[in-house]
Amino acid sequence: MMRIDAYTHFFPQRFFDTLMDVAGDYKDMGKRVRSLPALYDLDHRKRIVDGHRDYAQILAYPQPPIETFAKSPAQIDEFIRMINDGFAELCAKERDHFPGWVAQISLDAPDAGVAEAERAINQLGALGVQIYTNVAGKPIDRPEYRPFWKKMAELGKPIWIHPARGANMPDYLSEKKSLYEIWWTFGWSYETAVAMSRLVFSKILDDHPDLKIITHHFGGIVPMLEGRIGPGWDVLGDRTTDEDYVSLRKSLKKRPLDYFKQNFYADTAVFGALPATKCGLDFYPRDKIVFASDCPFDPEKGTMYPRMTLEIFESLDLSKTDREMIYYKNLEAATGRKLVK
């Protein structure tokens, strides 16, 4: 059975060379991405794909977020276009390995990324677009970003959301930085849940109920916190004295928990963890789960980066129908594109 890996990361060569010139000293995740040839060496990456039968990858840009190092709105636009043009060219030549790609968008572009989203999808053939859980520290539900959500609802294509958080965001108010890579280990999963929550309570999902949003890493901490998201937020406002969250809760079109289960897709990239995989499968409806490994960010060293995620799914007692949905049919439904021949 064919497996389409819906969330893997790669740098188009021209942009990677540019990145090394303009942000080669990028810290934290920058150190990680510079150490992995599978992120920028196309032949190396194709060998990984060829190492697995009935397997292909969707490519998306990794880190760092463009808005964190670009020096002007014009440079944001230049870099974003370079990434998307590079992906379009690469995937046109390598369709057997990479049957689709995700356009990179910056909400910090002057038009919140609207024009580039249209260009990448309608002219270049992107399956959808990727943004981050924050925009250089700003929440994704700010009013100036509303045109982006409106445009993506009109285009009917999915938005891949990737967590972004660095050591510069401390774990305690008394400190200046996050220690021990807590910013990544726990921070990224928290970031994802926060971004999802902001889309719920800002009513962006009420305004655009048909938005298709693919969250990374099974939605971070969301699946294991069903009790807090469900019964806990059913009494939203009971713990707050300086905001009228009760009225906000009553004005929502549905229960908070229902948004998380019904309005988001989630991928299966959980760094090779069986318990997290089972938790995600129990939380999300089967038609909201897409297969992904996060290649090449796998705990295993070497060239077989998707191996752990593939082995976990082979070990699970899933019906053929469920496997087909998760492996490729849900992604095809979300993107409106046939990806399996």
C-alpha atoms as a PDB file:
ATOM      1  CA  MET A   1       0.000   0.000   0.000  1.00  0.00           C
ATOM      2  CA  MET A   2       1.364   3.418  -0.939  1.00  0.00           C
ATOM      3  CA  ARG A   3       2.430   5.752   1.877  1.00  0.00           C
ATOM      4  CA  ILE A   4       2.540   9.503   1.178  1.00  0.00           C
ATOM      5  CA  ASP A   5       4.599  11.257   3.853  1.00  0.00           C
ATOM      6  CA  ALA A   6       2.648  14.500   4.247  1.00  0.00           C
ATOM      7  CA  TYR A   7       5.114  16.536   6.296  1.00  0.00           C
ATOM      8  CA  THR A   8       8.827  16.308   5.500  1.00  0.00           C
ATOM      9  CA  HIS A   9      11.389  19.092   5.342  1.00  0.00           C
ATOM     10  CA  PHE A  10      13.887  20.175   2.687  1.00  0.00           C
ATOM     11  CA  PHE A  11      15.716  23.260   1.383  1.00  0.00           C
ATOM     12  CA  PRO A  12      15.707  24.013  -2.341  1.00  0.00           C
ATOM     13  CA  GLN A  13      19.391  24.318  -3.238  1.00  0.00           C
ATOM     14  CA  ARG A  14      19.464  27.959  -4.319  1.00  0.00           C
ATOM     15  CA  PHE A  15      17.734  29.105  -1.165  1.00  0.00           C
ATOM     16  CA  PHE A  16      19.956  26.960   1.062  1.00  0.00           C
ATOM     17  CA  ASP A  17      23.019  28.619  -0.437  1.00  0.00           C
ATOM     18  CA  THR A  18      21.436  32.021   0.143  1.00  0.00           C
ATOM     19  CA  LEU A  19      20.485  31.073   3.710  1.00  0.00           C
ATOM     20  CA  MET A  20      24.080  30.188   4.527  1.00  0.00           C
ATOM     21  CA  ASP A  21      25.100  33.654   3.331  1.00  0.00           C
ATOM     22  CA  VAL A  22      22.472  35.695   5.150  1.00  0.00           C
ATOM     23  CA  ALA A  23      21.692  33.564   8.229  1.00  0.00           C
ATOM     24  CA  GLY A  24      24.435  30.965   8.424  1.00  0.00           C
ATOM     25  CA  ASP A  25      24.927  31.657  12.141  1.00  0.00           C
ATOM     26  CA  TYR A  26      21.256  31.150  13.015  1.00  0.00           C
ATOM     27  CA  LYS A  27      21.156  29.600  16.501  1.00  0.00           C
ATOM     28  CA  ASP A  28      19.324  26.669  18.080  1.00  0.00           C
ATOM     29  CA  MET A  29      17.475  24.881  15.243  1.00  0.00           C
ATOM     30  CA  GLY A  30      19.926  26.512  12.835  1.00  0.00           C
ATOM     31  CA  LYS A  31      22.658  24.341  14.293  1.00  0.00           C
ATOM     32  CA  ARG A  32      20.485  21.270  13.789  1.00  0.00           C
ATOM     33  CA  VAL A  33      19.549  21.957  10.175  1.00  0.00           C
ATOM     34  CA  ARG A  34      23.142  22.662   9.147  1.00  0.00           C
ATOM     35  CA  SER A  35      24.160  19.234  10.413  1.00  0.00           C
ATOM     36  CA  LEU A  36      21.748  17.170   8.275  1.00  0.00           C
ATOM     37  CA  PRO A  37      22.680  16.603   4.607  1.00  0.00           C
ATOM     38  CA  ALA A  38      19.223  15.122   4.021  1.00  0.00           C
ATOM     39  CA  LEU A  39      17.837  18.643   4.364  1.00  0.00           C
ATOM     40  CA  TYR A  40      19.673  20.077   1.367  1.00  0.00           C
ATOM     41  CA  ASP A  41      21.396  17.263  -0.576  1.00  0.00           C
ATOM     42  CA  LEU A  42      18.864  16.031  -3.142  1.00  0.00           C
ATOM     43  CA  ASP A  43      20.688  12.791  -3.997  1.00  0.00           C
ATOM     44  CA  HIS A  44      20.973  11.946  -0.299  1.00  0.00           C
ATOM     45  CA  ARG A  45      17.271  12.590   0.154  1.00  0.00           C
ATOM     46  CA  LYS A  46      16.261  10.506  -2.851  1.00  0.00           C
ATOM     47  CA  ARG A  47      18.234   7.556  -1.443  1.00  0.00           C
ATOM     48  CA  ILE A  48      16.169   7.818   1.736  1.00  0.00           C
ATOM     49  CA  VAL A  49      12.930   7.680  -0.235  1.00  0.00           C
ATOM     50  CA  ASP A  50      14.231   4.803  -2.376  1.00  0.00           C
ATOM     51  CA  GLY A  51      15.036   2.886   0.803  1.00  0.00           C
ATOM     52  CA  HIS A  52      11.341   2.296   1.477  1.00  0.00           C
ATOM     53  CA  ARG A  53       8.904   0.449  -0.740  1.00  0.00           C
ATOM     54  CA  ASP A  54       5.665   2.177  -1.749  1.00  0.00           C
ATOM     55  CA  TYR A  55       6.742   5.451  -0.202  1.00  0.00           C
ATOM     56  CA  ALA A  56       6.970   9.087  -1.363  1.00  0.00           C
ATOM     57  CA  GLN A  57       7.314  12.466   0.304  1.00  0.00           C
ATOM     58  CA  ILE A  58       5.653  15.873   0.313  1.00  0.00           C
ATOM     59  CA  LEU A  59       8.288  18.593   0.764  1.00  0.00           C
ATOM     60  CA  ALA A  60       8.012  21.663   2.991  1.00  0.00           C
ATOM     61  CA  TYR A  61      10.480  24.280   4.160  1.00  0.00           C
ATOM     62  CA  PRO A  62      11.946  23.694   7.664  1.00  0.00           C
ATOM     63  CA  GLN A  63      13.463  26.448   9.841  1.00  0.00           C
ATOM     64  CA  PRO A  64      14.277  29.290  10.441  1.00  0.00           C
ATOM     65  CA  PRO A  65      11.126  31.363   9.853  1.00  0.00           C
ATOM     66  CA  ILE A  66      11.886  33.912   7.147  1.00  0.00           C
ATOM     67  CA  GLU A  67      10.523  36.834   9.155  1.00  0.00           C
ATOM     68  CA  THR A  68      13.099  36.215  11.911  1.00  0.00           C
ATOM     69  CA  PHE A  69      16.104  37.068   9.734  1.00  0.00           C
ATOM     70  CA  ALA A  70      14.900  38.942   6.626  1.00  0.00           C
ATOM     71  CA  LYS A  71      15.811  42.614   6.873  1.00  0.00           C
ATOM     72  CA  SER A  72      12.804  44.114   5.080  1.00  0.00           C
ATOM     73  CA  PRO A  73       9.374  43.237   3.655  1.00  0.00           C
ATOM     74  CA  ALA A  74      10.958  43.223   0.201  1.00  0.00           C
ATOM     75  CA  GLN A  75      13.527  40.665   1.330  1.00  0.00           C
ATOM     76  CA  ILE A  76      10.797  38.519   2.892  1.00  0.00           C
ATOM     77  CA  ASP A  77       9.070  38.456  -0.486  1.00  0.00           C
ATOM     78  CA  GLU A  78      12.336  37.692  -2.302  1.00  0.00           C
ATOM     79  CA  PHE A  79      13.210  34.755  -0.048  1.00  0.00           C
ATOM     80  CA  ILE A  80       9.689  33.316  -0.034  1.00  0.00           C
ATOM     81  CA  ARG A  81       9.493  33.385  -3.830  1.00  0.00           C
ATOM     82  CA  MET A  82      12.931  31.768  -4.070  1.00  0.00           C
ATOM     83  CA  ILE A  83      11.793  28.900  -1.832  1.00  0.00           C
ATOM     84  CA  ASN A  84       8.555  28.314  -3.711  1.00  0.00           C
ATOM     85  CA  ASP A  85      10.101  28.577  -7.158  1.00  0.00           C
ATOM     86  CA  GLY A  86      12.750  26.095  -6.040  1.00  0.00           C
ATOM     87  CA  PHE A  87      10.205  23.589  -4.785  1.00  0.00           C
ATOM     88  CA  ALA A  88       8.119  23.872  -7.942  1.00  0.00           C
ATOM     89  CA  GLU A  89      11.138  23.190 -10.133  1.00  0.00           C
ATOM     90  CA  LEU A  90      12.429  20.332  -7.983  1.00  0.00           C
ATOM     91  CA  CYS A  91       9.117  18.484  -7.713  1.00  0.00           C
ATOM     92  CA  ALA A  92       8.365  18.886 -11.407  1.00  0.00           C
ATOM     93  CA  LYS A  93      11.547  16.902 -12.114  1.00  0.00           C
ATOM     94  CA  GLU A  94      11.198  14.381  -9.286  1.00  0.00           C
ATOM     95  CA  ARG A  95       7.489  13.518  -9.138  1.00  0.00           C
ATOM     96  CA  ASP A  96       8.086   9.842  -8.372  1.00  0.00           C
ATOM     97  CA  HIS A  97       9.960  10.774  -5.198  1.00  0.00           C
ATOM     98  CA  PHE A  98       8.088  13.971  -4.330  1.00  0.00           C
ATOM     99  CA  PRO A  99       4.546  14.066  -5.764  1.00  0.00           C
ATOM    100  CA  GLY A 100       3.777  17.407  -4.141  1.00  0.00           C
ATOM    101  CA  TRP A 101       5.119  20.333  -2.155  1.00  0.00           C
ATOM    102  CA  VAL A 102       3.965  22.949   0.329  1.00  0.00           C
ATOM    103  CA  ALA A 103       4.497  26.646  -0.368  1.00  0.00           C
ATOM    104  CA  GLN A 104       6.137  28.774   2.293  1.00  0.00           C
ATOM    105  CA  ILE A 105       4.243  31.922   3.306  1.00  0.00           C
ATOM    106  CA  SER A 106       5.128  34.742   5.680  1.00  0.00           C
ATOM    107  CA  LEU A 107       2.276  36.470   7.446  1.00  0.00           C
ATOM    108  CA  ASP A 108       4.685  39.387   7.946  1.00  0.00           C
ATOM    109  CA  ALA A 109       4.566  40.140   4.227  1.00  0.00           C
ATOM    110  CA  PRO A 110       2.792  43.465   3.564  1.00  0.00           C
ATOM    111  CA  ASP A 111      -0.347  41.657   2.347  1.00  0.00           C
ATOM    112  CA  ALA A 112      -0.104  38.865   4.985  1.00  0.00           C
ATOM    113  CA  GLY A 113       1.079  36.486   2.277  1.00  0.00           C
ATOM    114  CA  VAL A 114      -2.110  36.611   0.203  1.00  0.00           C
ATOM    115  CA  ALA A 115      -0.527  37.244  -3.213  1.00  0.00           C
ATOM    116  CA  GLU A 116       2.182  34.606  -2.782  1.00  0.00           C
ATOM    117  CA  ALA A 117      -0.343  32.037  -1.588  1.00  0.00           C
ATOM    118  CA  GLU A 118      -2.359  32.638  -4.760  1.00  0.00           C
ATOM    119  CA  ARG A 119       0.722  32.542  -6.981  1.00  0.00           C
ATOM    120  CA  ALA A 120       2.151  29.384  -5.416  1.00  0.00           C
ATOM    121  CA  ILE A 121      -1.127  27.470  -5.556  1.00  0.00           C
ATOM    122  CA  ASN A 122      -2.636  28.700  -8.820  1.00  0.00           C
ATOM    123  CA  GLN A 123       0.510  29.210 -10.905  1.00  0.00           C
ATOM    124  CA  LEU A 124       3.161  26.932  -9.388  1.00  0.00           C
ATOM    125  CA  GLY A 125       0.948  24.039  -8.288  1.00  0.00           C
ATOM    126  CA  ALA A 126       1.564  23.938  -4.536  1.00  0.00           C
ATOM    127  CA  LEU A 127      -0.677  21.608  -2.534  1.00  0.00           C
ATOM    128  CA  GLY A 128      -1.164  24.299   0.103  1.00  0.00           C
ATOM    129  CA  VAL A 129       0.920  26.622   2.247  1.00  0.00           C
ATOM    130  CA  GLN A 130       2.934  26.499   5.443  1.00  0.00           C
ATOM    131  CA  ILE A 131       3.033  29.073   8.233  1.00  0.00           C
ATOM    132  CA  TYR A 132       4.355  28.983  11.804  1.00  0.00           C
ATOM    133  CA  THR A 133       2.591  29.004  15.161  1.00  0.00           C
ATOM    134  CA  ASN A 134       3.692  32.596  15.679  1.00  0.00           C
ATOM    135  CA  VAL A 135       5.005  35.396  13.483  1.00  0.00           C
ATOM    136  CA  ALA A 136       8.332  36.412  15.019  1.00  0.00           C
ATOM    137  CA  GLY A 137       6.624  36.253  18.402  1.00  0.00           C
ATOM    138  CA  LYS A 138       3.259  37.690  17.322  1.00  0.00           C
ATOM    139  CA  PRO A 139       0.038  35.613  17.482  1.00  0.00           C
ATOM    140  CA  ILE A 140      -1.393  34.326  14.226  1.00  0.00           C
ATOM    141  CA  ASP A 141      -4.886  35.687  14.954  1.00  0.00           C
ATOM    142  CA  ARG A 142      -3.929  39.385  14.831  1.00  0.00           C
ATOM    143  CA  PRO A 143      -6.301  41.541  12.727  1.00  0.00           C
ATOM    144  CA  GLU A 144      -3.660  42.287  10.083  1.00  0.00           C
ATOM    145  CA  TYR A 145      -3.417  38.572   9.289  1.00  0.00           C
ATOM    146  CA  ARG A 146      -7.148  38.102   8.684  1.00  0.00           C
ATOM    147  CA  PRO A 147      -6.794  38.551   4.894  1.00  0.00           C
ATOM    148  CA  PHE A 148      -4.606  35.427   4.811  1.00  0.00           C
ATOM    149  CA  TRP A 149      -7.240  33.244   6.489  1.00  0.00           C
ATOM    150  CA  LYS A 150      -9.939  34.651   4.231  1.00  0.00           C
ATOM    151  CA  LYS A 151      -7.878  33.958   1.107  1.00  0.00           C
ATOM    152  CA  MET A 152      -7.042  30.383   2.139  1.00  0.00           C
ATOM    153  CA  ALA A 153     -10.718  29.706   2.749  1.00  0.00           C
ATOM    154  CA  GLU A 154     -11.432  30.988  -0.756  1.00  0.00           C
ATOM    155  CA  LEU A 155      -8.641  28.898  -2.292  1.00  0.00           C
ATOM    156  CA  GLY A 156      -9.847  25.783  -0.469  1.00  0.00           C
ATOM    157  CA  LYS A 157      -6.307  24.486   0.076  1.00  0.00           C
ATOM    158  CA  PRO A 158      -4.763  23.351   3.367  1.00  0.00           C
ATOM    159  CA  ILE A 159      -2.475  25.276   5.684  1.00  0.00           C
ATOM    160  CA  TRP A 160       0.366  23.321   7.243  1.00  0.00           C
ATOM    161  CA  ILE A 161       1.192  24.833  10.686  1.00  0.00           C
ATOM    162  CA  HIS A 162       4.698  24.282  12.076  1.00  0.00           C
ATOM    163  CA  PRO A 163       5.753  25.171  15.632  1.00  0.00           C
ATOM    164  CA  ALA A 164       8.349  27.899  16.082  1.00  0.00           C
ATOM    165  CA  ARG A 165      10.012  28.660  19.392  1.00  0.00           C
ATOM    166  CA  GLY A 166      13.634  29.195  20.396  1.00  0.00           C
ATOM    167  CA  ALA A 167      15.785  29.378  23.500  1.00  0.00           C
ATOM    168  CA  ASN A 168      15.155  33.145  23.580  1.00  0.00           C
ATOM    169  CA  MET A 169      11.693  32.429  25.036  1.00  0.00           C
ATOM    170  CA  PRO A 170      12.372  31.645  28.726  1.00  0.00           C
ATOM    171  CA  ASP A 171      10.560  29.027  30.758  1.00  0.00           C
ATOM    172  CA  TYR A 172      10.397  31.326  33.808  1.00  0.00           C
ATOM    173  CA  LEU A 173       9.873  35.078  34.108  1.00  0.00           C
ATOM    174  CA  SER A 174      13.018  35.337  36.224  1.00  0.00           C
ATOM    175  CA  GLU A 175      15.246  33.956  33.454  1.00  0.00           C
ATOM    176  CA  LYS A 176      16.387  35.276  30.095  1.00  0.00           C
ATOM    177  CA  LYS A 177      16.397  32.052  28.097  1.00  0.00           C
ATOM    178  CA  SER A 178      15.009  28.530  28.015  1.00  0.00           C
ATOM    179  CA  LEU A 179      17.437  25.949  29.362  1.00  0.00           C
ATOM    180  CA  TYR A 180      18.112  22.304  28.461  1.00  0.00           C
ATOM    181  CA  GLU A 181      16.291  22.578  25.102  1.00  0.00           C
ATOM    182  CA  ILE A 182      12.982  22.757  26.946  1.00  0.00           C
ATOM    183  CA  TRP A 183      11.959  25.317  24.297  1.00  0.00           C
ATOM    184  CA  TRP A 184      11.981  22.428  21.788  1.00  0.00           C
ATOM    185  CA  THR A 185      11.083  19.318  23.821  1.00  0.00           C
ATOM    186  CA  PHE A 186       7.968  20.776  25.432  1.00  0.00           C
ATOM    187  CA  GLY A 187       7.784  24.233  23.892  1.00  0.00           C
ATOM    188  CA  TRP A 188       6.982  23.199  20.348  1.00  0.00           C
ATOM    189  CA  SER A 189       4.092  20.977  21.429  1.00  0.00           C
ATOM    190  CA  TYR A 190       2.727  23.794  23.599  1.00  0.00           C
ATOM    191  CA  GLU A 191       3.145  26.280  20.734  1.00  0.00           C
ATOM    192  CA  THR A 192       0.999  24.132  18.471  1.00  0.00           C
ATOM    193  CA  ALA A 193      -1.807  23.895  21.021  1.00  0.00           C
ATOM    194  CA  VAL A 194      -1.690  27.651  21.610  1.00  0.00           C
ATOM    195  CA  ALA A 195      -1.961  28.441  17.897  1.00  0.00           C
ATOM    196  CA  MET A 196      -4.929  26.086  17.534  1.00  0.00           C
ATOM    197  CA  SER A 197      -6.604  27.694  20.541  1.00  0.00           C
ATOM    198  CA  ARG A 198      -6.137  31.211  19.182  1.00  0.00           C
ATOM    199  CA  LEU A 199      -7.848  30.203  15.941  1.00  0.00           C
ATOM    200  CA  VAL A 200     -10.772  28.856  17.962  1.00  0.00           C
ATOM    201  CA  PHE A 201     -11.306  31.718  20.407  1.00  0.00           C
ATOM    202  CA  SER A 202     -10.574  34.510  17.903  1.00  0.00           C
ATOM    203  CA  LYS A 203     -13.496  33.043  15.900  1.00  0.00           C
ATOM    204  CA  ILE A 204     -11.393  32.682  12.773  1.00  0.00           C
ATOM    205  CA  LEU A 205     -12.757  29.145  12.531  1.00  0.00           C
ATOM    206  CA  ASP A 206     -16.307  30.415  13.004  1.00  0.00           C
ATOM    207  CA  ASP A 207     -15.750  32.977  10.253  1.00  0.00           C
ATOM    208  CA  HIS A 208     -14.167  30.401   7.933  1.00  0.00           C
ATOM    209  CA  PRO A 209     -15.473  26.962   8.975  1.00  0.00           C
ATOM    210  CA  ASP A 210     -14.150  25.295   5.818  1.00  0.00           C
ATOM    211  CA  LEU A 211     -10.500  26.146   6.488  1.00  0.00           C
ATOM    212  CA  LYS A 212      -8.262  23.094   6.184  1.00  0.00           C
ATOM    213  CA  ILE A 213      -5.456  23.200   8.748  1.00  0.00           C
ATOM    214  CA  ILE A 214      -2.846  20.458   9.139  1.00  0.00           C
ATOM    215  CA  THR A 215      -1.147  20.566  12.531  1.00  0.00           C
ATOM    216  CA  HIS A 216       2.278  19.032  13.024  1.00  0.00           C
ATOM    217  CA  HIS A 217       3.199  16.365  15.598  1.00  0.00           C
ATOM    218  CA  PHE A 218      -0.393  15.161  16.144  1.00  0.00           C
ATOM    219  CA  GLY A 219      -1.370  18.627  17.365  1.00  0.00           C
ATOM    220  CA  GLY A 220       1.308  18.718  20.062  1.00  0.00           C
ATOM    221  CA  ILE A 221      -0.094  18.392  23.584  1.00  0.00           C
ATOM    222  CA  VAL A 222      -3.720  18.522  22.453  1.00  0.00           C
ATOM    223  CA  PRO A 223      -4.628  14.796  22.371  1.00  0.00           C
ATOM    224  CA  MET A 224      -3.486  14.072  25.937  1.00  0.00           C
ATOM    225  CA  LEU A 225      -5.379  17.099  27.308  1.00  0.00           C
ATOM    226  CA  GLU A 226      -8.865  16.185  26.101  1.00  0.00           C
ATOM    227  CA  GLY A 227     -10.195  16.524  29.661  1.00  0.00           C
ATOM    228  CA  ARG A 228      -8.986  20.099  29.999  1.00  0.00           C
ATOM    229  CA  ILE A 229     -10.000  21.105  26.472  1.00  0.00           C
ATOM    230  CA  GLY A 230     -13.392  19.418  26.904  1.00  0.00           C
ATOM    231  CA  PRO A 231     -14.915  19.659  30.399  1.00  0.00           C
ATOM    232  CA  GLY A 232     -12.264  22.203  31.429  1.00  0.00           C
ATOM    233  CA  TRP A 233     -13.119  24.727  28.711  1.00  0.00           C
ATOM    234  CA  ASP A 234     -16.826  23.948  28.959  1.00  0.00           C
ATOM    235  CA  VAL A 235     -16.680  26.313  31.959  1.00  0.00           C
ATOM    236  CA  LEU A 236     -14.387  28.872  30.295  1.00  0.00           C
ATOM    237  CA  GLY A 237     -14.536  32.067  32.333  1.00  0.00           C
ATOM    238  CA  ASP A 238     -15.022  30.443  35.736  1.00  0.00           C
ATOM    239  CA  ARG A 239     -11.305  30.893  36.486  1.00  0.00           C
ATOM    240  CA  THR A 240     -11.003  34.458  35.166  1.00  0.00           C
ATOM    241  CA  THR A 241     -12.014  37.720  36.856  1.00  0.00           C
ATOM    242  CA  ASP A 242     -10.705  40.428  34.514  1.00  0.00           C
ATOM    243  CA  GLU A 243     -12.138  39.170  31.175  1.00  0.00           C
ATOM    244  CA  ASP A 244     -15.674  38.172  30.173  1.00  0.00           C
ATOM    245  CA  TYR A 245     -14.831  34.756  28.799  1.00  0.00           C
ATOM    246  CA  VAL A 246     -18.264  33.406  29.701  1.00  0.00           C
ATOM    247  CA  SER A 247     -19.865  35.579  27.035  1.00  0.00           C
ATOM    248  CA  LEU A 248     -17.148  34.579  24.580  1.00  0.00           C
ATOM    249  CA  ARG A 249     -17.781  30.894  25.248  1.00  0.00           C
ATOM    250  CA  LYS A 250     -21.525  31.285  24.770  1.00  0.00           C
ATOM    251  CA  SER A 251     -20.980  33.155  21.496  1.00  0.00           C
ATOM    252  CA  LEU A 252     -18.963  30.344  19.901  1.00  0.00           C
ATOM    253  CA  LYS A 253     -20.803  28.222  17.368  1.00  0.00           C
ATOM    254  CA  LYS A 254     -19.842  24.963  19.070  1.00  0.00           C
ATOM    255  CA  ARG A 255     -18.133  23.443  22.064  1.00  0.00           C
ATOM    256  CA  PRO A 256     -14.380  24.258  22.252  1.00  0.00           C
ATOM    257  CA  LEU A 257     -13.398  20.579  22.147  1.00  0.00           C
ATOM    258  CA  ASP A 258     -15.375  20.061  18.946  1.00  0.00           C
ATOM    259  CA  TYR A 259     -13.229  22.579  17.073  1.00  0.00           C
ATOM    260  CA  PHE A 260     -10.081  20.640  17.952  1.00  0.00           C
ATOM    261  CA  LYS A 261     -11.564  17.363  16.782  1.00  0.00           C
ATOM    262  CA  GLN A 262     -13.476  18.596  13.740  1.00  0.00           C
ATOM    263  CA  ASN A 263     -11.641  21.638  12.363  1.00  0.00           C
ATOM    264  CA  PHE A 264      -8.046  20.433  12.357  1.00  0.00           C
ATOM    265  CA  TYR A 265      -6.123  17.715  10.602  1.00  0.00           C
ATOM    266  CA  ALA A 266      -3.163  16.254  12.484  1.00  0.00           C
ATOM    267  CA  ASP A 267      -0.124  14.412  11.220  1.00  0.00           C
ATOM    268  CA  THR A 268       1.488  11.344  12.771  1.00  0.00           C
ATOM    269  CA  ALA A 269       5.027  12.722  13.245  1.00  0.00           C
ATOM    270  CA  VAL A 270       5.744  12.185  16.945  1.00  0.00           C
ATOM    271  CA  PHE A 271       9.471  11.411  16.855  1.00  0.00           C
ATOM    272  CA  GLY A 272       9.003   7.660  16.844  1.00  0.00           C
ATOM    273  CA  ALA A 273       6.777   7.351  19.935  1.00  0.00           C
ATOM    274  CA  LEU A 274       4.190   4.554  20.021  1.00  0.00           C
ATOM    275  CA  PRO A 275       2.195   5.892  23.047  1.00  0.00           C
ATOM    276  CA  ALA A 276       1.869   9.332  21.439  1.00  0.00           C
ATOM    277  CA  THR A 277       0.752   7.713  18.184  1.00  0.00           C
ATOM    278  CA  LYS A 278      -1.954   5.726  19.957  1.00  0.00           C
ATOM    279  CA  CYS A 279      -3.098   8.826  21.847  1.00  0.00           C
ATOM    280  CA  GLY A 280      -3.410  10.812  18.624  1.00  0.00           C
ATOM    281  CA  LEU A 281      -5.290   7.991  16.899  1.00  0.00           C
ATOM    282  CA  ASP A 282      -7.728   7.853  19.832  1.00  0.00           C
ATOM    283  CA  PHE A 283      -8.310  11.617  19.825  1.00  0.00           C
ATOM    284  CA  TYR A 284      -8.795  12.566  16.179  1.00  0.00           C
ATOM    285  CA  PRO A 285     -11.409  11.126  13.824  1.00  0.00           C
ATOM    286  CA  ARG A 286      -9.819   8.807  11.252  1.00  0.00           C
ATOM    287  CA  ASP A 287     -10.611  11.217   8.413  1.00  0.00           C
ATOM    288  CA  LYS A 288      -8.559  13.964  10.098  1.00  0.00           C
ATOM    289  CA  ILE A 289      -5.254  12.083  10.362  1.00  0.00           C
ATOM    290  CA  VAL A 290      -2.501  12.239   7.729  1.00  0.00           C
ATOM    291  CA  PHE A 291       0.606  10.091   7.702  1.00  0.00           C
ATOM    292  CA  ALA A 292       3.891  11.946   8.251  1.00  0.00           C
ATOM    293  CA  SER A 293       7.342  11.183   9.632  1.00  0.00           C
ATOM    294  CA  ASP A 294       8.945  14.661   9.915  1.00  0.00           C
ATOM    295  CA  CYS A 295      11.846  13.380   7.805  1.00  0.00           C
ATOM    296  CA  PRO A 296      14.729  13.997   8.259  1.00  0.00           C
ATOM    297  CA  PHE A 297      14.113  14.923  11.913  1.00  0.00           C
ATOM    298  CA  ASP A 298      14.086  11.361  13.200  1.00  0.00           C
ATOM    299  CA  PRO A 299      15.798  10.172  16.401  1.00  0.00           C
ATOM    300  CA  GLU A 300      17.633   7.522  14.418  1.00  0.00           C
ATOM    301  CA  LYS A 301      20.964   8.377  12.829  1.00  0.00           C
ATOM    302  CA  GLY A 302      21.854   7.276   9.321  1.00  0.00           C
ATOM    303  CA  THR A 303      19.896   7.342   6.091  1.00  0.00           C
ATOM    304  CA  MET A 304      16.600   5.636   6.946  1.00  0.00           C
ATOM    305  CA  TYR A 305      14.902   8.542   8.690  1.00  0.00           C
ATOM    306  CA  PRO A 306      11.211   7.553   8.265  1.00  0.00           C
ATOM    307  CA  ARG A 307      11.850   4.009   9.497  1.00  0.00           C
ATOM    308  CA  MET A 308      10.486   4.378  13.056  1.00  0.00           C
ATOM    309  CA  THR A 309       7.187   5.941  12.018  1.00  0.00           C
ATOM    310  CA  LEU A 310       6.709   3.347   9.289  1.00  0.00           C
ATOM    311  CA  GLU A 311       7.437   0.501  11.710  1.00  0.00           C
ATOM    312  CA  ILE A 312       4.983   1.866  14.279  1.00  0.00           C
ATOM    313  CA  PHE A 313       2.168   1.926  11.728  1.00  0.00           C
ATOM    314  CA  GLU A 314       2.982  -1.554  10.496  1.00  0.00           C
ATOM    315  CA  SER A 315       2.599  -2.761  14.096  1.00  0.00           C
ATOM    316  CA  LEU A 316      -0.832  -1.210  14.627  1.00  0.00           C
ATOM    317  CA  ASP A 317      -4.085  -3.126  14.253  1.00  0.00           C
ATOM    318  CA  LEU A 318      -5.715  -0.893  11.654  1.00  0.00           C
ATOM    319  CA  SER A 319      -8.195  -1.867   8.991  1.00  0.00           C
ATOM    320  CA  LYS A 320      -7.268  -1.556   5.331  1.00  0.00           C
ATOM    321  CA  THR A 321      -9.782   1.290   5.012  1.00  0.00           C
ATOM    322  CA  ASP A 322      -8.219   3.203   7.911  1.00  0.00           C
ATOM    323  CA  ARG A 323      -4.714   2.657   6.562  1.00  0.00           C
ATOM    324  CA  GLU A 324      -5.663   3.961   3.131  1.00  0.00           C
ATOM    325  CA  MET A 325      -7.279   7.021   4.662  1.00  0.00           C
ATOM    326  CA  ILE A 326      -4.286   7.836   6.846  1.00  0.00           C
ATOM    327  CA  TYR A 327      -1.585   6.905   4.332  1.00  0.00           C
ATOM    328  CA  TYR A 328      -2.879   9.033   1.465  1.00  0.00           C
ATOM    329  CA  LYS A 329      -6.647   9.424   0.981  1.00  0.00           C
ATOM    330  CA  ASN A 330      -7.147  12.064   3.687  1.00  0.00           C
ATOM    331  CA  LEU A 331      -4.329  14.129   2.224  1.00  0.00           C
ATOM    332  CA  GLU A 332      -5.794  13.767  -1.265  1.00  0.00           C
ATOM    333  CA  ALA A 333      -9.168  14.899   0.073  1.00  0.00           C
ATOM    334  CA  ALA A 334      -7.661  17.906   1.858  1.00  0.00           C
ATOM    335  CA  THR A 335      -5.575  19.051  -1.098  1.00  0.00           C
ATOM    336  CA  GLY A 336      -7.998  18.105  -3.870  1.00  0.00           C
ATOM    337  CA  ARG A 337      -5.091  16.452  -5.654  1.00  0.00           C
ATOM    338  CA  LYS A 338      -4.593  12.820  -6.659  1.00  0.00           C
ATOM    339  CA  LEU A 339      -1.202  11.816  -5.246  1.00  0.00           C
ATOM    340  CA  VAL A 340      -1.222   8.046  -5.720  1.00  0.00           C
ATOM    341  CA  LYS A 341      -1.157   6.669  -9.248  1.00  0.00           C
END
